[in-house]
C-alpha cells in the first residue's frame, strides 16, 4: 500500500510502504532516501522515521495508517495466507505463522473461520495450555522472591523485627519471613532475627524465570507457584490449516440473487451463486409475549370451564363499600374497612346509585338481624356504605352476581373470576398492594360442607394437587369456613393454598334467594402458584416495574397438573 504526501514531514514527496509479509512499515521521502542512498545508507529512515518506528513523522503516520488499515487487515491477511498455502500446502500452527508474519492472531483466526465456511481451506483446532506471571511474579523476577529479599535484609549480626519491617514493608515481611524460616535461611533469636546460612539460592525466582522463558517445569512447582498467586493459566487456541475442496488463490464472492443486469448481459450463466440452505431457521417473528401470570391464568380458566363454570364480569376495579363489605354481612367497624387496609377514593368519594329496597334489608340484617340471626346490634350508617374504594376482593363481584340471580327465577349456577384486587399493605418479597384473586362459586339447593370438600378435591386435583387438608377458620361472610392446606413435596410440609366456606344466610336471604339455596365458595391468589411454577422467590420480579422483559420472552408455557 502506498500513500503519497505527508502532512507531518517537510519532505517534498513522501511515500508510505506497508509490508505485512515481514511485518514492517516503511516510510521515506524520495529526496531523503536518494541522499541516504548516495551516502550508502538504507532508505528506511526518511522523515526522521527509522526501521524501529522512531521519529515524529513516522509515529504519527504509523498511528494514522494503523487506523486506516483496520478494515483492510483481513483482506491482506487472507491474500497472504492463500498465497502461502499455494506454496507450502499446509500451515501446521496458526500461532507460529502469525508471529512470523507479524499478524494479529485474532485477525488470522477470523480469516481462517471465514475461509473454512466457504471451503477454501480445511482447518483443525489446536489448543495449548501455558502459564504467565502475575504482577507479583514479575516483581519477584526483577527484585527476587519475598523470602530472598527478607534474607538479604537480615544482616549477619541480626536485626530486630520492627527494624526489619521498616526495611522491607509489612506485605513482604509477612510472606518472606515465613518462607525464609521454612527454608532454614533465618531464625528468630529474641530479640533479633538472624541468618542461619551465609548464602541462599533463590529457587522461586529461577522457577519464575523458567516459566517466563517458556520452559517446562514440574507440576509440583506449578502447584506451589499458583497457590502463591504468582502465576496464572492461559489457554491458547489456534488452527492447523490446509487447502480445502474449493481452494483458490483469491476468494470469489458468490452472488445471492439474480439481478436484472445479469439477465440482460447473460452474466448469470457464468456467475457462481451461493447455495440456499433450506434447513436454516427463519428470522424470529417479533411480536407480543405472554406474561407468566397470563399463562397460568389461562390454565386456571381452562380448568374452570371444563368443570362447567361461567366467568363473572370483573371489569369494575372501583367498587362501593356497600357491595364490597356490607352485603357480605361484614360490620362497618371491621378492621378490614379501615384506611390502613383499604384504598378509599377521593374523587368520586361516594357512589350515586344503590338498590334501595335491598339496601334497607341489608341495613336491617346488620342492626337487628332476621331469619334466625340477631345481627350485630349497631347503628348502620348509609354514608359508610356509599364510600368508594378499590375492591379488596372479587367476592364483591360474586355478591352482585348472586343478587342478580335472586331477581330472576332461580336456576343453579357455577361462577368463577380471576382478576385484580387491591390491599393497602406493605410491599415485601411476598406481598404487593395489588394482586390477582381466583374465586369459584357454586349456587344450588341443598349444598353441604361435603359438597364443598368434594368440589375442592376435584378442582385442586386438576391442578395436580392431590393431598389436601382442611382447617376450621373464621370469615365474616362464610360459616362454616375452612383454610385449605396442601402437602408441598419439595418443602416436605403442609402449606396454606386457599380459603373457603359456605355463604351465611345473613348474606343470601336479604338478596332474595330461596331459603333452601346454599352457596359454596373458595378463593386463592394467582401469584403464589405462578411463583412456585416458575421458581420465582420475589413477587416484585413477577409483577411490577422490576420485571425482566427478557424472562417474559423466554419463559416456558404453563401446564398445570402435568
Protein backbone atom coordinates (compact mmCIF):
# COMPACT_ATOMS: atom_id res chain seq x y z
CA UNK A 1 0.00 0.00 0.00
CA UNK A 2 1.44 3.40 -0.98
CA UNK A 3 0.19 6.76 0.27
CA UNK A 4 1.57 9.88 -1.38
CA UNK A 5 2.24 13.05 0.63
CA UNK A 6 2.64 13.58 4.35
CA UNK A 7 1.28 16.48 6.39
CA UNK A 8 3.81 15.89 9.15
CA UNK A 9 7.03 15.93 7.11
CA UNK A 10 8.89 18.65 5.19
CA UNK A 11 9.91 16.10 2.57
CA UNK A 12 8.55 17.12 -0.85
CA UNK A 13 7.25 13.70 -1.87
CA UNK A 14 6.59 11.24 0.93
CA UNK A 15 5.58 7.66 0.23
CA UNK A 16 4.40 5.09 2.81
CA UNK A 17 5.06 1.43 2.18
CA UNK A 18 3.34 -1.17 4.31
CA UNK A 19 4.73 -4.69 4.03
CA UNK A 20 2.72 -7.15 6.11
CA UNK A 21 4.73 -10.14 4.90
CA UNK A 22 7.71 -9.19 7.04
CA UNK A 23 5.77 -7.09 9.50
CA UNK A 24 7.41 -3.71 8.73
CA UNK A 25 6.04 -0.30 7.88
CA UNK A 26 8.44 1.67 5.71
CA UNK A 27 8.33 5.45 5.41
CA UNK A 28 10.64 7.65 3.41
CA UNK A 29 10.71 10.79 1.35
CA UNK A 30 12.13 10.48 -2.12
CA UNK A 31 14.66 13.26 -1.55
CA UNK A 32 15.77 11.86 1.79
CA UNK A 33 16.12 8.31 0.50
CA UNK A 34 18.16 9.45 -2.50
CA UNK A 35 20.50 11.36 -0.23
CA UNK A 36 20.86 8.43 2.13
CA UNK A 37 21.36 6.01 -0.76
CA UNK A 38 24.17 8.16 -2.16
CA UNK A 39 25.78 8.07 1.28
CA UNK A 40 25.47 4.28 1.35
CA UNK A 41 22.69 4.29 3.96
CA UNK A 42 19.42 2.37 3.92
CA UNK A 43 16.34 4.22 2.70
CA UNK A 44 14.32 3.10 5.73
CA UNK A 45 14.68 6.22 7.78
CA UNK A 46 13.42 9.22 5.78
CA UNK A 47 11.37 11.91 7.53
CA UNK A 48 13.04 11.04 10.79
CA UNK A 49 11.42 7.61 10.81
CA UNK A 50 13.74 4.63 11.07
CA UNK A 51 13.07 0.89 10.97
CA UNK A 52 12.20 0.82 14.68
CA UNK A 53 9.37 3.33 14.22
CA UNK A 54 11.02 6.35 15.83
CA UNK A 55 10.56 9.91 14.67
CA UNK A 56 7.72 12.42 14.80
CA UNK A 57 6.51 11.84 11.26
CA UNK A 58 6.84 8.07 11.50
CA UNK A 59 5.00 7.75 14.81
CA UNK A 60 2.07 9.89 13.70
CA UNK A 61 1.94 8.17 10.34
CA UNK A 62 2.02 4.76 11.99
CA UNK A 63 -0.91 5.68 14.22
CA UNK A 64 -3.00 7.08 11.34
CA UNK A 65 -2.08 4.26 9.00
CA UNK A 66 -2.87 1.64 11.65
CA UNK A 67 -6.40 3.01 11.96
CA UNK A 68 -6.87 3.06 8.20
CA UNK A 69 -5.57 -0.48 7.96
CA UNK A 70 -8.21 -1.90 10.37
CA UNK A 71 -10.81 -2.69 7.72
CA UNK A 72 -8.27 -3.86 5.15
CA UNK A 73 -6.26 -6.13 7.50
CA UNK A 74 -8.39 -9.22 6.94
CA UNK A 75 -8.29 -8.91 3.16
CA UNK A 76 -4.50 -8.54 3.20
CA UNK A 77 -4.02 -11.42 5.65
CA UNK A 78 -6.36 -13.60 3.58
CA UNK A 79 -4.34 -12.89 0.42
CA UNK A 80 -1.04 -13.75 2.13
CA UNK A 81 -2.48 -16.89 3.74
CA UNK A 82 -3.89 -18.26 0.49
CA UNK A 83 -0.61 -17.46 -1.23
CA UNK A 84 1.41 -19.35 1.39
CA UNK A 85 -0.90 -22.35 1.16
CA UNK A 86 -0.33 -22.41 -2.60
CA UNK A 87 3.42 -22.60 -1.96
CA UNK A 88 3.69 -24.91 1.09
CA UNK A 89 0.37 -26.77 1.02
CA UNK A 90 -0.38 -26.51 4.73
CA UNK A 91 0.26 -24.43 7.83
CA UNK A 92 0.91 -26.53 10.93
CA UNK A 93 0.41 -23.79 13.53
CA UNK A 94 -1.52 -20.56 13.06
CA UNK A 95 0.20 -19.01 16.08
CA UNK A 96 3.67 -19.55 14.65
CA UNK A 97 2.51 -18.28 11.23
CA UNK A 98 1.01 -15.14 12.76
CA UNK A 99 4.21 -14.45 14.71
CA UNK A 100 6.40 -14.96 11.64
CA UNK A 101 4.30 -12.54 9.58
CA UNK A 102 3.67 -10.08 12.44
CA UNK A 103 -0.08 -10.54 12.05
CA UNK A 104 -2.58 -10.32 14.88
CA UNK A 105 -3.56 -13.91 15.70
CA UNK A 106 -7.19 -12.94 16.38
CA UNK A 107 -7.49 -11.44 12.90
CA UNK A 108 -5.92 -14.57 11.41
CA UNK A 109 -8.37 -16.85 13.24
CA UNK A 110 -11.30 -14.81 11.90
CA UNK A 111 -9.93 -15.18 8.38
CA UNK A 112 -9.46 -18.95 8.79
CA UNK A 113 -13.04 -19.37 10.05
CA UNK A 114 -14.39 -17.39 7.13
CA UNK A 115 -12.37 -19.32 4.57
CA UNK A 116 -13.41 -22.62 6.18
CA UNK A 117 -17.05 -21.67 5.80
CA UNK A 118 -16.55 -21.26 2.05
CA UNK A 119 -14.48 -24.50 1.90
CA UNK A 120 -11.43 -22.65 0.58
CA UNK A 121 -9.42 -24.16 3.44
CA UNK A 122 -9.78 -27.04 5.86
CA UNK A 123 -8.89 -26.27 9.46
CA UNK A 124 -8.33 -28.25 12.61
CA UNK A 125 -8.48 -26.66 16.04
CA UNK A 126 -5.36 -26.60 18.19
CA UNK A 127 -5.14 -25.75 21.88
CA UNK A 128 -2.23 -25.33 24.26
CA UNK A 129 -2.08 -24.58 27.94
CA UNK A 130 0.58 -22.20 29.14
CA UNK A 131 1.36 -20.15 32.22
CA UNK A 132 2.15 -16.48 32.58
CA UNK A 133 3.44 -14.43 35.50
CA UNK A 134 1.11 -12.34 37.59
CA UNK A 135 2.25 -8.85 38.61
CA UNK A 136 3.77 -10.11 41.85
CA UNK A 137 5.60 -12.82 39.93
CA UNK A 138 7.06 -10.20 37.59
CA UNK A 139 8.24 -8.23 40.63
CA UNK A 140 9.93 -11.36 42.01
CA UNK A 141 11.77 -11.89 38.72
CA UNK A 142 13.03 -8.32 38.85
CA UNK A 143 13.83 -7.99 42.57
CA UNK A 144 14.00 -11.56 43.87
CA UNK A 145 11.42 -13.58 45.76
CA UNK A 146 9.94 -12.33 49.03
CA UNK A 147 11.97 -14.82 51.08
CA UNK A 148 15.20 -13.83 49.31
CA UNK A 149 14.51 -10.11 49.86
CA UNK A 150 13.88 -10.74 53.56
CA UNK A 151 17.01 -12.92 53.80
CA UNK A 152 19.16 -10.21 52.21
CA UNK A 153 17.64 -7.60 54.51
CA UNK A 154 18.85 -9.54 57.58
CA UNK A 155 22.49 -8.57 58.29
CA UNK A 156 24.91 -11.20 59.70
CA UNK A 157 24.76 -9.59 63.15
CA UNK A 158 20.94 -9.79 63.16
CA UNK A 159 18.07 -7.26 63.18
CA UNK A 160 15.00 -6.61 65.30
CA UNK A 161 11.57 -7.32 63.82
CA UNK A 162 10.46 -3.64 63.90
CA UNK A 163 13.62 -2.64 62.01
CA UNK A 164 13.17 -5.48 59.54
CA UNK A 165 9.53 -4.46 58.98
CA UNK A 166 10.58 -0.88 58.35
CA UNK A 167 13.20 -2.11 55.91
CA UNK A 168 11.09 -4.41 53.70
CA UNK A 169 7.48 -3.45 54.48
CA UNK A 170 4.57 -5.36 56.06
CA UNK A 171 3.44 -7.31 53.00
CA UNK A 172 6.90 -8.55 52.03
CA UNK A 173 7.74 -9.42 55.64
CA UNK A 174 4.59 -11.48 56.19
CA UNK A 175 5.27 -13.68 53.16
CA UNK A 176 9.06 -13.64 53.09
CA UNK A 177 9.73 -14.29 56.81
CA UNK A 178 7.56 -17.40 56.88
CA UNK A 179 9.12 -18.92 53.75
CA UNK A 180 12.68 -17.94 54.67
CA UNK A 181 12.31 -19.59 58.08
CA UNK A 182 10.70 -22.63 56.42
CA UNK A 183 13.71 -22.87 54.07
CA UNK A 184 16.06 -22.71 57.06
CA UNK A 185 17.64 -19.43 55.96
CA UNK A 186 16.86 -17.35 59.03
CA UNK A 187 15.95 -17.99 62.66
CA UNK A 188 14.40 -15.93 65.45
CA UNK A 189 16.72 -15.50 68.45
CA UNK A 190 14.85 -12.94 70.53
CA UNK A 191 15.03 -10.10 70.25
CA UNK A 192 16.89 -10.48 66.93
CA UNK A 193 16.23 -12.17 63.63
CA UNK A 194 19.48 -13.79 62.45
CA UNK A 195 20.76 -15.70 59.45
CA UNK A 196 21.24 -19.47 59.74
CA UNK A 197 23.20 -19.70 56.47
CA UNK A 198 25.68 -17.38 54.86
CA UNK A 199 24.20 -17.68 51.37
CA UNK A 200 20.92 -18.85 49.83
CA UNK A 201 19.71 -19.81 46.35
CA UNK A 202 16.54 -18.07 45.11
CA UNK A 203 14.82 -21.13 43.65
CA UNK A 204 11.45 -19.41 43.34
CA UNK A 205 12.90 -16.68 41.15
CA UNK A 206 14.61 -19.28 38.95
CA UNK A 207 11.33 -21.14 38.55
CA UNK A 208 9.52 -17.94 37.56
CA UNK A 209 12.25 -17.09 35.03
CA UNK A 210 11.87 -20.57 33.50
CA UNK A 211 8.12 -20.11 33.13
CA UNK A 212 8.57 -16.64 31.66
CA UNK A 213 11.03 -18.06 29.09
CA UNK A 214 8.54 -20.76 28.10
CA UNK A 215 10.48 -23.64 29.63
CA UNK A 216 8.75 -26.64 31.17
CA UNK A 217 8.61 -27.03 34.95
CA UNK A 218 7.27 -29.81 37.12
CA UNK A 219 3.58 -30.00 38.14
CA UNK A 220 4.59 -29.59 41.81
CA UNK A 221 6.31 -26.30 41.00
CA UNK A 222 3.25 -25.10 39.09
CA UNK A 223 1.03 -26.04 42.03
CA UNK A 224 3.19 -24.15 44.55
CA UNK A 225 3.52 -21.01 42.42
CA UNK A 226 -0.18 -20.99 41.59
CA UNK A 227 -1.03 -21.36 45.28
CA UNK A 228 1.05 -18.22 45.96
CA UNK A 229 -0.80 -16.39 43.13
CA UNK A 230 2.47 -15.81 41.29
CA UNK A 231 1.32 -17.41 38.02
CA UNK A 232 -1.95 -17.92 36.15
CA UNK A 233 -3.05 -20.32 33.43
CA UNK A 234 -3.59 -19.19 29.87
CA UNK A 235 -5.32 -21.34 27.26
CA UNK A 236 -4.21 -20.68 23.69
CA UNK A 237 -6.38 -21.74 20.75
CA UNK A 238 -5.37 -21.79 17.12
CA UNK A 239 -5.64 -23.79 13.91
CA UNK A 240 -3.84 -26.21 11.63
CA UNK A 241 -4.73 -25.18 8.05
CA UNK A 242 -4.56 -26.87 4.66
CA UNK A 243 -6.18 -26.43 1.25
CA UNK A 244 -9.91 -27.06 1.08
CA UNK A 245 -12.10 -28.62 -1.63
CA UNK A 246 -12.73 -25.20 -3.23
CA UNK A 247 -9.25 -23.75 -2.71
CA UNK A 248 -8.31 -20.78 -4.88
CA UNK A 249 -5.70 -18.05 -4.69
CA UNK A 250 -8.43 -15.46 -4.46
CA UNK A 251 -11.88 -15.75 -2.99
CA UNK A 252 -14.69 -15.13 -5.46
CA UNK A 253 -17.77 -13.84 -3.73
CA UNK A 254 -20.81 -15.79 -4.90
CA UNK A 255 -23.94 -13.85 -5.75
CA UNK A 256 -27.06 -14.37 -3.67
CA UNK A 257 -29.66 -13.16 -6.19
CA UNK A 258 -30.14 -12.94 -9.95
CA UNK A 259 -30.13 -9.26 -10.94
CA UNK A 260 -31.61 -7.54 -13.97
CA UNK A 261 -28.12 -6.74 -15.26
CA UNK A 262 -27.17 -10.45 -15.14
CA UNK A 263 -30.20 -11.33 -17.22
CA UNK A 264 -29.57 -8.55 -19.72
CA UNK A 265 -25.88 -9.36 -20.23
CA UNK A 266 -26.09 -13.10 -19.80
CA UNK A 267 -23.57 -12.96 -16.93
CA UNK A 268 -25.75 -15.28 -14.88
CA UNK A 269 -24.56 -18.20 -17.00
CA UNK A 270 -21.02 -17.90 -15.63
CA UNK A 271 -21.81 -16.37 -12.25
CA UNK A 272 -21.32 -18.51 -9.13
CA UNK A 273 -24.32 -18.40 -6.81
CA UNK A 274 -24.46 -19.01 -3.11
CA UNK A 275 -26.26 -22.25 -2.29
CA UNK A 276 -29.58 -21.89 -0.49
CA UNK A 277 -29.77 -23.51 2.94
CA UNK A 278 -33.28 -24.84 3.19
CA UNK A 279 -32.58 -26.18 6.69
CA UNK A 280 -31.80 -22.75 8.15
CA UNK A 281 -34.29 -21.24 10.54
CA UNK A 282 -36.03 -18.07 9.51
CA UNK A 283 -35.88 -14.83 11.42
CA UNK A 284 -37.94 -14.99 14.61
CA UNK A 285 -41.20 -13.16 14.26
CA UNK A 286 -41.21 -10.16 16.54
CA UNK A 287 -44.46 -9.89 18.43
CA UNK A 288 -46.07 -9.84 21.82
CA UNK A 289 -45.26 -12.30 24.59
CA UNK A 290 -47.49 -13.68 27.31
CA UNK A 291 -46.56 -12.79 30.87
CA UNK A 292 -46.24 -15.82 33.21
CA UNK A 293 -49.32 -14.64 35.12
CA UNK A 294 -51.34 -14.72 31.91
CA UNK A 295 -50.09 -18.22 31.09
CA UNK A 296 -51.09 -19.58 34.50
CA UNK A 297 -54.37 -17.63 34.36
CA UNK A 298 -55.22 -19.30 31.05
CA UNK A 299 -54.72 -22.74 32.62
CA UNK A 300 -56.92 -21.92 35.62
CA UNK A 301 -59.56 -20.57 33.25
CA UNK A 302 -59.44 -23.78 31.24
CA UNK A 303 -59.94 -25.87 34.38
CA UNK A 304 -62.95 -23.80 35.46
CA UNK A 305 -64.55 -24.02 32.01
CA UNK A 306 -64.03 -27.78 31.86
CA UNK A 307 -65.83 -28.05 35.21
CA UNK A 308 -68.84 -26.18 33.83
CA UNK A 309 -68.23 -22.74 35.37
CA UNK A 310 -69.02 -19.44 33.67
CA UNK A 311 -66.90 -16.32 34.07
CA UNK A 312 -68.19 -13.32 36.01
CA UNK A 313 -67.67 -9.77 34.67
CA UNK A 314 -64.87 -8.25 36.76
CA UNK A 315 -64.30 -5.01 34.86
CA UNK A 316 -65.02 -2.71 37.84
CA UNK A 317 -61.86 -2.06 39.85
CA UNK A 318 -63.72 0.68 41.74
CA UNK A 319 -66.47 -0.60 43.99
CA UNK A 320 -68.69 0.84 46.72
CA UNK A 321 -68.31 -0.23 50.33
CA UNK A 322 -71.88 -1.49 50.12
CA UNK A 323 -71.08 -4.23 47.58
CA UNK A 324 -67.54 -4.83 48.85
CA UNK A 325 -68.39 -5.11 52.58
CA UNK A 326 -71.97 -4.52 53.69
CA UNK A 327 -73.79 -7.08 51.55
CA UNK A 328 -71.25 -9.66 52.75
CA UNK A 329 -72.51 -9.13 56.31
CA UNK A 330 -69.19 -7.51 57.28
CA UNK A 331 -69.78 -4.93 60.07
CA UNK A 332 -68.87 -1.30 59.39
CA UNK A 333 -66.43 -1.22 62.30
CA UNK A 334 -64.48 -4.23 60.98
CA UNK A 335 -60.67 -3.57 60.86
CA UNK A 336 -60.55 -4.51 57.15
CA UNK A 337 -62.66 -1.40 56.40
CA UNK A 338 -60.02 0.89 57.92
CA UNK A 339 -57.91 3.12 55.65
CA UNK A 340 -54.81 1.26 56.81
CA UNK A 341 -56.05 -1.81 54.90
CA UNK A 342 -58.19 -0.36 52.11
CA UNK A 343 -57.64 2.24 49.38
CA UNK A 344 -60.55 4.73 49.51
CA UNK A 345 -61.16 7.13 46.60
CA UNK A 346 -61.08 10.90 46.99
CA UNK A 347 -62.88 11.61 43.70
CA UNK A 348 -65.57 10.40 43.35
CA UNK A 349 -65.68 9.75 47.07
CA UNK A 350 -69.15 8.20 47.14
CA UNK A 351 -71.43 6.17 44.89
CA UNK A 352 -74.58 7.73 43.46
CA UNK A 353 -76.76 4.65 42.99
CA UNK A 354 -77.67 1.74 45.26
CA UNK A 355 -80.75 -0.57 45.16
CA UNK A 356 -82.92 1.00 47.89
CA UNK A 357 -85.08 -1.99 48.84
CA UNK A 358 -82.04 -4.26 49.04
CA UNK A 359 -80.11 -1.61 50.98
CA UNK A 360 -82.87 -1.48 53.63
CA UNK A 361 -82.84 -5.28 54.00
CA UNK A 362 -79.05 -5.25 54.43
CA UNK A 363 -79.34 -2.41 56.98
CA UNK A 364 -81.94 -4.35 58.99
CA UNK A 365 -79.84 -7.51 58.95
CA UNK A 366 -76.83 -5.62 60.34
CA UNK A 367 -78.80 -3.77 63.03
CA UNK A 368 -81.33 -6.29 64.36
CA UNK A 369 -80.82 -9.46 62.30
CA UNK A 370 -83.58 -11.68 60.94
CA UNK A 371 -84.26 -15.24 59.72
CA UNK A 372 -82.88 -16.59 62.99
CA UNK A 373 -79.93 -14.16 63.24
CA UNK A 374 -79.61 -11.42 65.86
CA UNK A 375 -77.38 -9.25 63.62
CA UNK A 376 -74.58 -7.10 65.04
CA UNK A 377 -76.74 -4.69 67.05
CA UNK A 378 -75.18 -1.39 65.96
CA UNK A 379 -76.35 1.73 64.16
CA UNK A 380 -75.68 1.03 60.46
CA UNK A 381 -74.71 4.18 58.52
CA UNK A 382 -75.54 4.75 54.87
CA UNK A 383 -72.62 7.20 54.40
CA UNK A 384 -70.19 4.40 55.25
CA UNK A 385 -71.81 2.11 52.68
CA UNK A 386 -71.61 4.78 49.96
CA UNK A 387 -67.84 5.25 50.18
CA UNK A 388 -65.98 4.30 47.00
CA UNK A 389 -62.85 2.16 47.15
CA UNK A 390 -60.60 -0.08 45.13
CA UNK A 391 -62.12 -3.51 45.60
CA UNK A 392 -60.30 -5.62 48.19
CA UNK A 393 -61.59 -8.95 46.80
CA UNK A 394 -63.53 -10.28 43.82
CA UNK A 395 -66.23 -11.50 46.22
CA UNK A 396 -67.76 -8.07 45.63
CA UNK A 397 -68.43 -9.27 42.07
CA UNK A 398 -69.85 -12.55 43.40
CA UNK A 399 -72.31 -10.62 45.59
CA UNK A 400 -73.54 -8.64 42.57
CA UNK A 401 -74.00 -11.84 40.53
CA UNK A 402 -75.89 -13.58 43.33
CA UNK A 403 -78.18 -10.55 43.81
CA UNK A 404 -78.86 -10.53 40.05
CA UNK A 405 -79.58 -14.27 40.16
CA UNK A 406 -82.07 -13.74 43.02
CA UNK A 407 -84.11 -11.25 40.97
CA UNK A 408 -84.89 -13.93 38.39
CA UNK A 409 -86.35 -17.41 38.58
CA UNK A 410 -83.72 -19.39 40.41
CA UNK A 411 -81.51 -21.81 38.45
CA UNK A 412 -78.30 -23.43 39.81
CA UNK A 413 -75.14 -21.62 38.74
CA UNK A 414 -71.39 -22.05 38.80
CA UNK A 415 -69.36 -18.85 38.62
CA UNK A 416 -65.65 -18.07 38.61
CA UNK A 417 -63.46 -14.98 38.32
CA UNK A 418 -59.74 -14.24 38.03
CA UNK A 419 -58.88 -10.57 38.31
CA UNK A 420 -57.01 -7.88 40.18
CA UNK A 421 -57.74 -6.72 43.73
CA UNK A 422 -56.11 -4.07 45.93
CA UNK A 423 -54.97 -4.00 49.55
CA UNK A 424 -53.18 -1.24 51.46
CA UNK A 425 -50.31 -3.49 52.53
CA UNK A 426 -46.57 -3.02 52.98
CA UNK A 427 -44.68 -4.25 49.91
CA UNK A 428 -42.16 -7.02 50.51
CA UNK A 429 -40.95 -10.24 48.86
CA UNK A 430 -44.35 -11.92 49.16
CA UNK A 431 -46.83 -9.02 49.28
CA UNK A 432 -47.90 -6.29 46.87
CA UNK A 433 -50.53 -3.59 47.14
CA UNK A 434 -52.28 -5.21 44.17
CA UNK A 435 -52.55 -8.85 43.20
CA UNK A 436 -54.87 -11.30 41.44
CA UNK A 437 -57.56 -13.35 43.15
CA UNK A 438 -59.02 -16.60 41.82
CA UNK A 439 -62.57 -17.29 43.06
CA UNK A 440 -65.04 -20.10 42.48
CA UNK A 441 -68.73 -20.01 43.49
CA UNK A 442 -71.36 -22.77 43.26
CA UNK A 443 -75.03 -21.92 43.94
CA UNK A 444 -77.63 -24.71 44.25
CA UNK A 445 -80.28 -26.19 46.53
CA UNK A 446 -79.25 -28.39 49.43
CA UNK A 447 -75.47 -27.91 49.17
CA UNK A 448 -73.48 -29.04 52.21
CA UNK A 449 -69.92 -28.81 53.51
CA UNK A 450 -69.31 -32.24 51.98
CA UNK A 451 -70.13 -30.82 48.55
CA UNK A 452 -67.60 -28.05 49.14
CA UNK A 453 -64.88 -30.54 50.10
CA UNK A 454 -65.70 -32.68 47.05
CA UNK A 455 -65.54 -29.72 44.64
CA UNK A 456 -62.24 -28.58 46.18
CA UNK A 457 -60.72 -32.05 45.76
CA UNK A 458 -61.83 -32.10 42.11
CA UNK A 459 -60.60 -28.55 41.41
CA UNK A 460 -57.18 -28.91 43.02
CA UNK A 461 -56.82 -32.44 41.66
CA UNK A 462 -56.94 -30.97 38.15
CA UNK A 463 -54.07 -28.71 39.22
CA UNK A 464 -52.04 -31.77 40.16
CA UNK A 465 -52.55 -31.22 43.90
CA UNK A 466 -53.80 -34.49 45.40
CA UNK A 467 -53.06 -34.18 49.12
CA UNK A 468 -55.45 -31.73 50.81
CA UNK A 469 -56.31 -30.91 54.38
CA UNK A 470 -58.92 -28.51 55.77
CA UNK A 471 -58.73 -26.43 58.92
CA UNK A 472 -61.66 -24.57 60.51
CA UNK A 473 -61.38 -20.79 60.15
CA UNK A 474 -63.40 -17.59 60.54
CA UNK A 475 -64.69 -15.30 57.79
CA UNK A 476 -67.40 -12.64 58.34
CA UNK A 477 -69.48 -13.85 55.39
CA UNK A 478 -68.99 -17.66 55.45
CA UNK A 479 -69.99 -20.22 58.05
CA UNK A 480 -68.60 -22.80 58.26
CA UNK A 481 -65.22 -21.59 56.90
CA UNK A 482 -62.12 -23.62 56.08
CA UNK A 483 -58.50 -22.90 55.25
CA UNK A 484 -57.15 -25.19 52.54
CA UNK A 485 -53.73 -26.84 53.02
CA UNK A 486 -51.69 -28.92 50.59
CA UNK A 487 -48.59 -31.04 51.17
CA UNK A 488 -45.59 -29.46 49.44
CA UNK A 489 -43.31 -32.24 48.19
CA UNK A 490 -40.22 -30.03 47.92
CA UNK A 491 -40.65 -28.26 51.26
CA UNK A 492 -41.81 -31.51 52.92
CA UNK A 493 -44.56 -29.74 54.86
CA UNK A 494 -48.22 -28.65 54.65
CA UNK A 495 -48.71 -25.12 53.26
CA UNK A 496 -51.83 -22.97 53.03
CA UNK A 497 -53.06 -22.58 49.44
CA UNK A 498 -56.52 -21.01 49.82
CA UNK A 499 -59.63 -20.21 51.82
CA UNK A 500 -63.20 -21.49 51.51
CA UNK A 501 -66.61 -21.66 53.13
CA UNK A 502 -70.40 -21.53 52.76
CA UNK A 503 -72.00 -18.08 52.44
CA UNK A 504 -74.00 -17.14 55.52
CA UNK A 505 -77.83 -16.88 55.41
CA UNK A 506 -77.43 -13.25 56.61
CA UNK A 507 -75.81 -12.58 53.24
CA UNK A 508 -78.02 -14.69 50.97
CA UNK A 509 -81.54 -14.17 52.31
CA UNK A 510 -81.60 -10.34 52.02
CA UNK A 511 -80.75 -10.80 48.33
CA UNK A 512 -84.00 -12.70 47.84
CA UNK A 513 -82.57 -16.19 47.25
CA UNK A 514 -84.83 -19.11 48.35
CA UNK A 515 -84.14 -20.36 51.91
CA UNK A 516 -83.08 -23.83 50.70
CA UNK A 517 -80.41 -22.42 48.36
CA UNK A 518 -76.85 -22.63 49.62
CA UNK A 519 -73.67 -21.16 48.11
CA UNK A 520 -70.19 -22.67 48.48
CA UNK A 521 -67.11 -20.66 47.50
CA UNK A 522 -63.34 -20.71 47.63
CA UNK A 523 -60.50 -18.42 46.65
CA UNK A 524 -56.72 -18.26 46.25
CA UNK A 525 -54.16 -15.92 44.76
CA UNK A 526 -52.78 -16.23 41.22
CA UNK A 527 -49.30 -15.03 42.13
CA UNK A 528 -48.38 -17.76 44.61
CA UNK A 529 -48.84 -20.78 42.28
CA UNK A 530 -47.16 -18.81 39.48
CA UNK A 531 -44.12 -18.12 41.66
CA UNK A 532 -43.89 -21.82 42.53
CA UNK A 533 -44.29 -22.96 38.92
CA UNK A 534 -41.67 -20.53 37.56
CA UNK A 535 -39.28 -20.74 40.54
CA UNK A 536 -39.60 -17.05 41.46
CA UNK A 537 -38.90 -16.16 45.09
CA UNK A 538 -39.63 -12.41 44.97
CA UNK A 539 -43.09 -11.28 43.88
CA UNK A 540 -41.62 -7.97 42.62
CA UNK A 541 -39.74 -9.95 39.95
CA UNK A 542 -43.10 -11.30 38.76
CA UNK A 543 -45.37 -8.27 38.83
CA UNK A 544 -44.48 -4.58 38.61
CA UNK A 545 -41.88 -2.29 37.08
CA UNK A 546 -38.93 -4.53 38.05
CA UNK A 547 -39.98 -7.42 35.81
CA UNK A 548 -37.22 -8.61 33.44
CA UNK A 549 -38.74 -8.43 29.94
CA UNK A 550 -36.22 -10.94 28.59
CA UNK A 551 -37.51 -13.51 31.06
CA UNK A 552 -41.06 -12.78 29.94
CA UNK A 553 -39.98 -13.56 26.36
CA UNK A 554 -38.17 -16.79 27.24
CA UNK A 555 -40.47 -18.27 29.94
CA UNK A 556 -41.84 -21.73 29.08
CA UNK A 557 -45.51 -22.43 28.56
CA UNK A 558 -47.59 -23.44 31.59
CA UNK A 559 -49.06 -26.90 32.02
CA UNK A 560 -50.83 -27.24 35.36
CA UNK A 561 -51.38 -30.73 36.70
CA UNK A 562 -48.90 -32.40 34.31
